[in-house]
Amino acid sequence: MKSAATPPCWNKRMTKPAVLLLSRLPEALGERLRARFDCHEQAQLDTAGLQALAPLLRGIVATGESVVTRELMGRLPALEIISVLGVGYDGIDMEAARKRGICVTHTPGISTNDIADFAMALLLSAARQVISADRFVRRGDWSAGRYPMTRSVSGARLGIVGLGRIGTAVASRALAFGMDIAYTGRAPKADVAYRWCSDTLSLAASVDFLVVCASAGPATRALINGEVLAALGPAGVLVNVARGSIVDEQALVAALRERKILAAGLDVFCDEPRVPAELLELENVVLTPHMASTTGATVQAMLDLTFANLAAHFDGLPVPAPVA
């Protein structure tokens, strides 16, 4: 007697969904993913290997720095979801994803406070020359005289490029320093009292500190250019905790070298982890390795949400954090 036919959904439910890992992930997340999914690391696949797996791959796990092109999506006919570990998803071709009906998720909101804290840390370090002063003490130069005067922060004028979650959190911290706050973005926000500027150039010309919190994309590429930096002026300080592509790095190098601005604090760069040699040589810039969001508690929460987004999709549940 023939056994009853296996329900069509049985294999799909009982077999681990195949997932492509685009970047090196923290081991804690990797272990959870491997327990729940059939995971394949892109770095370990050659062209033929990826081609053989392509019809089976239903998910991608990426980071904020990953690039998922229309071409890659086109090579993965079974792709249903891209789960991004991070807030930014500018490396993903969203138009192609939407056209294919591919769900894209990320981990927003979790890192807001840490990034805002770090923006203020960079602002203070650059303006008060904390790194340079540390070297001054270590070299023994203090015995020969006092360190030169630095720039005051309290009561100064702060301009924020992009008043989203992070920009708003930066503003709330700046208020504690008695700073006068202005911002620019797509449109003025009705629910804030800060002064709005219609463009970045006019904002830079009216402030002492310029903090970049905007999203990356074609509209903001090299938004902070030589003209904007010149408007910020020789006593101005630039801070970037958003994306490296928003700042014209060569224009910034020239502005710092020629003292068209006083200083800069940078946590992000155009071609990470490669930092331009010209920036490394300058004393009036504080450089950090894209670490604004990387505190223990925040990273764990981001790992949890990355996993939860992926698991919910394959369990047929609403994903917690889809990209709008």
Protein backbone atom coordinates (compact mmCIF):
# COMPACT_ATOMS: atom_id res chain seq x y z
CA MET A 1 0.00 0.00 0.00
CA LYS A 2 1.38 3.40 -0.96
CA SER A 3 2.01 5.87 1.77
CA ALA A 4 0.19 9.16 1.70
CA ALA A 5 1.87 11.84 -0.37
CA THR A 6 4.08 14.23 1.55
CA PRO A 7 2.37 17.60 1.88
CA PRO A 8 4.06 20.15 -0.43
CA CYS A 9 4.83 22.46 2.49
CA TRP A 10 6.49 19.78 4.60
CA ASN A 11 9.98 19.91 3.07
CA LYS A 12 10.02 23.69 3.09
CA ARG A 13 9.04 23.75 6.74
CA MET A 14 11.38 20.99 7.93
CA THR A 15 14.47 21.92 5.86
CA LYS A 16 16.62 24.78 7.07
CA PRO A 17 16.31 27.78 4.73
CA ALA A 18 19.58 28.44 2.89
CA VAL A 19 21.09 31.82 3.73
CA LEU A 20 24.07 33.69 2.27
CA LEU A 21 26.30 35.56 4.75
CA LEU A 22 27.83 38.50 2.90
CA SER A 23 30.17 39.77 5.61
CA ARG A 24 32.08 38.41 8.55
CA LEU A 25 29.68 38.41 11.48
CA PRO A 26 30.23 38.22 15.24
CA GLU A 27 30.54 34.57 16.27
CA ALA A 28 27.60 34.84 18.67
CA LEU A 29 25.31 35.68 15.75
CA GLY A 30 26.99 33.16 13.46
CA GLU A 31 26.29 30.32 15.89
CA ARG A 32 22.61 31.25 16.17
CA LEU A 33 22.26 31.54 12.41
CA ARG A 34 23.91 28.18 11.77
CA ALA A 35 21.63 26.49 14.29
CA ARG A 36 18.50 27.83 12.57
CA PHE A 37 19.56 28.18 8.93
CA ASP A 38 21.71 26.50 6.31
CA CYS A 39 24.42 29.18 6.19
CA HIS A 40 26.97 29.80 3.44
CA GLU A 41 29.70 32.45 3.66
CA GLN A 42 30.22 34.41 0.47
CA ALA A 43 33.96 34.71 1.19
CA GLN A 44 34.29 30.92 0.97
CA LEU A 45 32.44 30.58 -2.34
CA ASP A 46 33.93 30.92 -5.78
CA THR A 47 31.80 31.84 -8.78
CA ALA A 48 30.90 28.23 -9.54
CA GLY A 49 30.05 27.54 -5.90
CA LEU A 50 27.73 30.52 -5.67
CA GLN A 51 26.11 29.59 -8.97
CA ALA A 52 25.42 26.06 -7.72
CA LEU A 53 23.84 27.35 -4.51
CA ALA A 54 21.95 30.23 -6.12
CA PRO A 55 18.62 28.41 -6.68
CA LEU A 56 18.50 27.43 -3.00
CA LEU A 57 19.43 30.72 -1.34
CA ARG A 58 16.34 32.29 0.22
CA GLY A 59 17.96 34.86 2.50
CA ILE A 60 20.94 37.19 2.80
CA VAL A 61 22.50 38.47 6.01
CA ALA A 62 24.40 41.70 5.40
CA THR A 63 25.93 44.56 7.35
CA GLY A 64 25.56 48.30 6.84
CA GLU A 65 28.69 48.22 4.67
CA SER A 66 27.57 45.33 2.45
CA VAL A 67 26.73 45.85 -1.21
CA VAL A 68 23.76 43.97 -2.64
CA THR A 69 23.39 44.86 -6.29
CA ARG A 70 20.57 44.29 -8.74
CA GLU A 71 22.88 41.82 -10.47
CA LEU A 72 23.40 39.75 -7.32
CA MET A 73 19.67 39.67 -6.63
CA GLY A 74 19.10 38.60 -10.21
CA ARG A 75 21.40 35.62 -9.70
CA LEU A 76 19.38 34.45 -6.68
CA PRO A 77 15.92 33.48 -7.97
CA ALA A 78 14.70 32.17 -4.59
CA LEU A 79 15.78 35.25 -2.59
CA GLU A 80 13.03 36.43 -0.22
CA ILE A 81 14.72 38.54 2.47
CA ILE A 82 17.83 40.62 3.16
CA SER A 83 18.47 41.10 6.88
CA VAL A 84 20.89 43.95 7.55
CA LEU A 85 22.93 44.14 10.73
CA GLY A 86 22.95 47.93 11.04
CA VAL A 87 20.83 51.00 10.51
CA GLY A 88 22.10 52.01 7.07
CA TYR A 89 21.21 50.05 3.94
CA ASP A 90 22.58 52.37 1.26
CA GLY A 91 24.58 49.49 -0.28
CA ILE A 92 21.39 47.66 -1.18
CA ASP A 93 19.61 48.37 -4.45
CA MET A 94 16.22 49.06 -2.86
CA GLU A 95 14.50 49.66 -6.19
CA ALA A 96 15.50 46.20 -7.36
CA ALA A 97 14.48 44.65 -4.03
CA ARG A 98 11.04 46.27 -4.12
CA LYS A 99 10.51 45.25 -7.72
CA ARG A 100 11.27 41.64 -6.80
CA GLY A 101 9.19 41.78 -3.61
CA ILE A 102 12.28 41.03 -1.51
CA CYS A 103 11.84 42.02 2.14
CA VAL A 104 14.69 44.21 3.46
CA THR A 105 15.10 44.61 7.21
CA HIS A 106 17.55 46.49 9.41
CA THR A 107 18.18 47.37 13.07
CA PRO A 108 17.05 50.99 13.57
CA GLY A 109 16.77 52.94 16.79
CA ILE A 110 18.91 50.62 18.91
CA SER A 111 22.18 52.51 18.39
CA THR A 112 20.75 56.04 18.44
CA ASN A 113 21.95 57.02 21.91
CA ASP A 114 25.41 55.52 21.52
CA ILE A 115 25.96 57.27 18.19
CA ALA A 116 24.74 60.60 19.59
CA ASP A 117 27.02 60.21 22.61
CA PHE A 118 29.94 59.49 20.31
CA ALA A 119 29.18 62.48 18.10
CA MET A 120 29.53 64.71 21.14
CA ALA A 121 32.72 62.88 22.14
CA LEU A 122 34.21 63.58 18.70
CA LEU A 123 33.02 67.19 18.83
CA LEU A 124 34.66 67.75 22.21
CA SER A 125 37.83 65.86 21.28
CA ALA A 126 38.28 67.84 18.07
CA ALA A 127 37.45 71.24 19.53
CA ARG A 128 39.41 70.81 22.77
CA GLN A 129 42.23 68.91 21.01
CA VAL A 130 42.10 66.03 23.49
CA ILE A 131 44.18 63.60 21.39
CA SER A 132 46.85 66.17 20.61
CA ALA A 133 46.99 67.25 24.26
CA ASP A 134 47.39 63.63 25.34
CA ARG A 135 50.42 63.31 23.05
CA PHE A 136 51.74 66.61 24.40
CA VAL A 137 51.76 65.20 27.94
CA ARG A 138 53.23 61.83 26.90
CA ARG A 139 56.09 63.53 25.03
CA GLY A 140 57.01 65.44 28.15
CA ASP A 141 56.34 68.79 26.46
CA TRP A 142 54.33 70.09 29.42
CA SER A 143 57.56 70.78 31.34
CA ALA A 144 58.51 73.30 28.65
CA GLY A 145 55.24 75.27 28.81
CA ARG A 146 51.47 75.14 28.75
CA TYR A 147 49.46 73.63 25.93
CA PRO A 148 48.03 76.23 23.49
CA MET A 149 44.47 77.47 24.00
CA THR A 150 41.62 75.49 22.41
CA ARG A 151 38.13 76.23 21.17
CA SER A 152 35.21 76.63 23.58
CA VAL A 153 32.12 74.46 23.07
CA SER A 154 29.50 75.66 25.56
CA GLY A 155 27.18 78.31 24.16
CA ALA A 156 28.41 77.81 20.57
CA ARG A 157 26.21 77.38 17.50
CA LEU A 158 25.58 73.81 16.34
CA GLY A 159 24.33 72.80 12.91
CA ILE A 160 22.93 69.32 12.31
CA VAL A 161 22.72 67.85 8.82
CA GLY A 162 19.79 65.45 9.03
CA LEU A 163 17.47 65.78 12.03
CA GLY A 164 16.31 62.17 12.20
CA ARG A 165 16.56 59.93 15.24
CA ILE A 166 20.32 60.41 15.65
CA GLY A 167 20.31 64.10 14.79
CA THR A 168 17.53 64.72 17.31
CA ALA A 169 19.48 62.83 19.98
CA VAL A 170 22.59 64.92 19.22
CA ALA A 171 20.51 68.08 19.56
CA SER A 172 19.21 67.04 22.99
CA ARG A 173 22.77 66.53 24.21
CA ALA A 174 23.91 69.83 22.73
CA LEU A 175 21.19 71.63 24.67
CA ALA A 176 22.96 70.59 27.88
CA PHE A 177 25.98 72.55 26.62
CA GLY A 178 23.83 75.61 26.07
CA MET A 179 24.33 75.42 22.32
CA ASP A 180 22.16 77.26 19.82
CA ILE A 181 20.84 74.61 17.39
CA ALA A 182 19.99 74.79 13.72
CA TYR A 183 19.44 72.03 11.17
CA THR A 184 18.81 71.20 7.57
CA GLY A 185 16.98 68.34 5.89
CA ARG A 186 14.37 67.58 3.27
CA ALA A 187 11.82 69.85 4.94
CA PRO A 188 11.37 71.75 8.22
CA LYS A 189 9.92 69.72 11.09
CA ALA A 190 6.79 71.16 12.66
CA ASP A 191 7.44 69.58 16.05
CA VAL A 192 10.86 71.13 16.80
CA ALA A 193 11.82 74.65 17.75
CA TYR A 194 15.31 74.58 16.26
CA ARG A 195 16.13 76.97 13.43
CA TRP A 196 15.79 75.40 9.99
CA CYS A 197 18.03 76.18 7.02
CA SER A 198 16.94 75.26 3.53
CA ASP A 199 20.38 74.06 2.44
CA THR A 200 23.66 72.86 3.89
CA LEU A 201 25.66 75.83 2.64
CA SER A 202 23.57 78.39 4.52
CA LEU A 203 23.58 76.15 7.60
CA ALA A 204 27.38 75.89 7.59
CA ALA A 205 27.75 79.63 7.21
CA SER A 206 25.65 80.24 10.32
CA VAL A 207 27.20 77.77 12.81
CA ASP A 208 30.43 76.95 14.62
CA PHE A 209 30.06 73.16 14.63
CA LEU A 210 28.58 71.04 11.85
CA VAL A 211 27.51 67.47 12.71
CA VAL A 212 26.59 65.12 9.85
CA CYS A 213 23.76 62.70 10.72
CA ALA A 214 22.08 62.34 7.31
CA SER A 215 21.37 59.14 5.41
CA ALA A 216 23.67 58.22 2.56
CA GLY A 217 22.53 58.04 -1.04
CA PRO A 218 22.80 59.86 -4.38
CA ALA A 219 21.17 62.99 -2.95
CA THR A 220 23.75 63.36 -0.18
CA ARG A 221 26.92 62.16 -1.92
CA ALA A 222 29.70 64.73 -1.34
CA LEU A 223 27.08 67.05 0.17
CA ILE A 224 29.78 68.45 2.46
CA ASN A 225 32.05 69.85 -0.24
CA GLY A 226 34.73 72.52 -0.42
CA GLU A 227 32.18 75.33 -0.61
CA VAL A 228 30.37 74.12 2.52
CA LEU A 229 33.65 73.73 4.42
CA ALA A 230 34.75 77.22 3.43
CA ALA A 231 31.42 78.54 4.70
CA LEU A 232 31.97 76.76 8.03
CA GLY A 233 35.11 78.83 8.36
CA PRO A 234 38.53 78.78 10.05
CA ALA A 235 37.06 78.43 13.56
CA GLY A 236 34.58 75.73 12.49
CA VAL A 237 34.60 72.04 13.39
CA LEU A 238 33.10 69.22 11.31
CA VAL A 239 31.89 65.93 12.84
CA ASN A 240 30.73 62.97 10.74
CA VAL A 241 29.01 59.96 12.34
CA ALA A 242 26.80 59.18 9.32
CA ARG A 243 28.49 57.83 6.18
CA GLY A 244 31.83 58.67 4.60
CA SER A 245 30.29 59.27 1.18
CA ILE A 246 28.48 62.36 2.45
CA VAL A 247 31.77 64.24 2.83
CA ASP A 248 34.10 65.04 -0.07
CA GLU A 249 37.25 63.64 1.57
CA GLN A 250 39.73 65.40 -0.68
CA ALA A 251 37.99 68.74 -0.09
CA LEU A 252 38.12 68.02 3.65
CA VAL A 253 41.83 67.21 3.53
CA ALA A 254 42.47 70.51 1.76
CA ALA A 255 40.30 72.44 4.23
CA LEU A 256 42.10 70.93 7.23
CA ARG A 257 45.55 71.32 5.72
CA GLU A 258 44.97 74.92 4.69
CA ARG A 259 43.18 75.71 7.98
CA LYS A 260 39.99 76.69 6.17
CA ILE A 261 38.32 74.89 9.08
CA LEU A 262 39.74 74.42 12.55
CA ALA A 263 39.30 70.67 13.02
CA ALA A 264 37.26 67.56 12.30
CA GLY A 265 36.13 64.40 14.07
CA LEU A 266 35.47 61.45 11.77
CA ASP A 267 34.09 58.01 12.56
CA VAL A 268 33.26 57.09 8.96
CA PHE A 269 35.15 57.14 5.67
CA CYS A 270 34.51 56.65 1.97
CA ASP A 271 36.48 53.42 1.53
CA GLU A 272 36.50 51.70 4.91
CA PRO A 273 38.69 50.40 6.42
CA ARG A 274 41.10 52.32 4.20
CA VAL A 275 41.62 55.88 5.43
CA PRO A 276 43.34 58.41 3.14
CA ALA A 277 47.00 58.82 4.04
CA GLU A 278 46.55 62.60 3.92
CA LEU A 279 44.09 62.42 6.82
CA LEU A 280 46.45 60.21 8.84
CA GLU A 281 49.15 62.85 8.56
CA LEU A 282 47.03 65.72 9.91
CA GLU A 283 47.04 66.73 13.58
CA ASN A 284 43.76 68.64 13.50
CA VAL A 285 41.50 65.64 12.87
CA VAL A 286 40.32 62.91 15.24
CA LEU A 287 39.93 59.54 13.50
CA THR A 288 38.00 56.55 14.87
CA PRO A 289 37.21 53.17 13.22
CA HIS A 290 33.43 53.37 12.62
CA MET A 291 32.78 52.54 16.26
CA ALA A 292 30.06 54.97 17.31
CA SER A 293 27.45 52.25 17.73
CA THR A 294 29.69 49.49 19.01
CA THR A 295 29.01 49.25 22.72
CA GLY A 296 28.39 45.81 24.16
CA ALA A 297 24.72 46.31 24.96
CA THR A 298 23.89 47.93 21.64
CA VAL A 299 25.71 45.37 19.52
CA GLN A 300 23.96 42.51 21.31
CA ALA A 301 20.58 44.12 20.75
CA MET A 302 21.41 44.61 17.06
CA LEU A 303 22.49 40.97 16.72
CA ASP A 304 19.25 39.85 18.35
CA LEU A 305 17.13 41.97 16.03
CA THR A 306 19.02 40.84 12.91
CA PHE A 307 18.27 37.23 13.86
CA ALA A 308 14.68 38.02 14.85
CA ASN A 309 13.98 39.72 11.51
CA LEU A 310 15.21 36.68 9.59
CA ALA A 311 13.50 34.10 11.82
CA ALA A 312 10.15 35.92 11.81
CA HIS A 313 10.10 36.00 8.02
CA PHE A 314 10.67 32.28 7.68
CA ASP A 315 8.20 31.55 10.47
CA GLY A 316 5.55 33.43 8.53
CA LEU A 317 5.34 36.22 11.10
CA PRO A 318 5.58 40.01 10.63
CA VAL A 319 9.25 41.03 10.71
CA PRO A 320 10.05 43.40 13.61
CA ALA A 321 12.01 46.01 11.64
CA PRO A 322 11.33 46.20 7.90
CA VAL A 323 12.82 49.04 5.90
CA ALA A 324 10.01 51.52 5.26
